[in-house]
Each structure stands twice: as C-alpha cells, then as structure tokens.
Amino acid sequence: MKPCFLSAAGALLAALATLVHAADPQRLDRVVAVVNNEVITRLELDEQLRIATRQLLRQGTPLPQQQLLERQMLERMVTTRILNQAGRDTGVRVDDTQLDRAVARLAQENRMSAAEFRSAREQDGLEYSVFREQVRADIVASRLRDREVEGRGTVSDAEVGGYLRSQALGGGSDEFVLL
C-alpha cells in the first residue's frame, strides 16, 4: 500500500509543480501607438528605453526625467516607422552591401575595427542585428530627405546677390520669408 501512496503523492507533486510553473508572472504587452497599419508595443518601447538609458549612462550623460525620455523615444519610434513605411511605399531600398559599407564607415569614424565596433554596440546592450536595422532605417530616412530636398526649387547666385544688395541699400529688416 505504501508504494501506491508514494507514487500518487509523487504524481500530485509533479502536477502541482507544473501548475506553479504555469502561474509564473508574464509581462503583458499592450499597444502604445499605431502608425498607419503597424503597432508599437509597450515591450518594444521598454526595450528602446533600456538601450537609450544604457547608452546615456555609458557616455556619462545625465538622464532626463523618465516621462520625458519615454515621450521622446516614442516620438522617435513613430517617426522611424513612418519613414520606413514611406521608404517601402516609394521603393527606397538599402541592400546588405550598402549596409555593410555604412557600418564599416561608422566603425572607421569611431576609430575602431569592425570587431571592436560590434563589441561596443553589444556592450551598449544593443543586439548587432538590431543595430544594423537601425542603420538601414537611418539610410532610408536620409534618402527620403534627399528626395524631398531635390524636389524643391533652387535659388541662383544672381538672386542671392540681388537680395543682399537690396538689403544693404535699403537697410532691410532681420525678417526672412521662407517658401
């Protein structure tokens, strides 16, 4: 009779252990922003805040108030999503070769080898693959800005000279009108 009782007690303990393990608290995620058809979740925002905080501390920069940092990070994430969407919609692409060259240039600008640069990003708490995608997004954003600027009109040297002469002669105001 004892062996049966022990095996029943063992089974009960195993079942309880499974229930306790299943009851471990899980971090719940929620939507903090919707950018067109894409969402930004609380967990994504928290991860970006963790990375930014770690980088600021490493650089010796005083941390802003948590609420301000959170708002700025969310704005940055929304802007990044909008630019990525615009890039996809307009066909702006950054292939891996272009990305590799950009990352190598960043390492060189920081006077590091590629391995040192990668290690520094990981010490900042940033997975290298995530860092690369951030660089890709930055390149897309830069290309979109370049396209926008190229679409604007130009001002000739003669127009600039004429304006400067009129300001010098007429004692023009300090007010500027940008179109």
Foldseek 3Di string as FASTA:
>chain_A
DVVVVVVVVVVVVVVVVVVVVVPPDDDDKDFPDQQPPDTDIPVNLVLQLLLVVLVCVVVVHDDDPPVVSSVVSVVVVSVLVVLVVVCVVVVPFDDPVNLVVVLCVVCVVVVHHSVVSCVVSVSSVHHSVNVSVVSRSVVSNVVVVVVVVVPDDDDDPVNVVVVVVCCVVVVDDPDDDDD
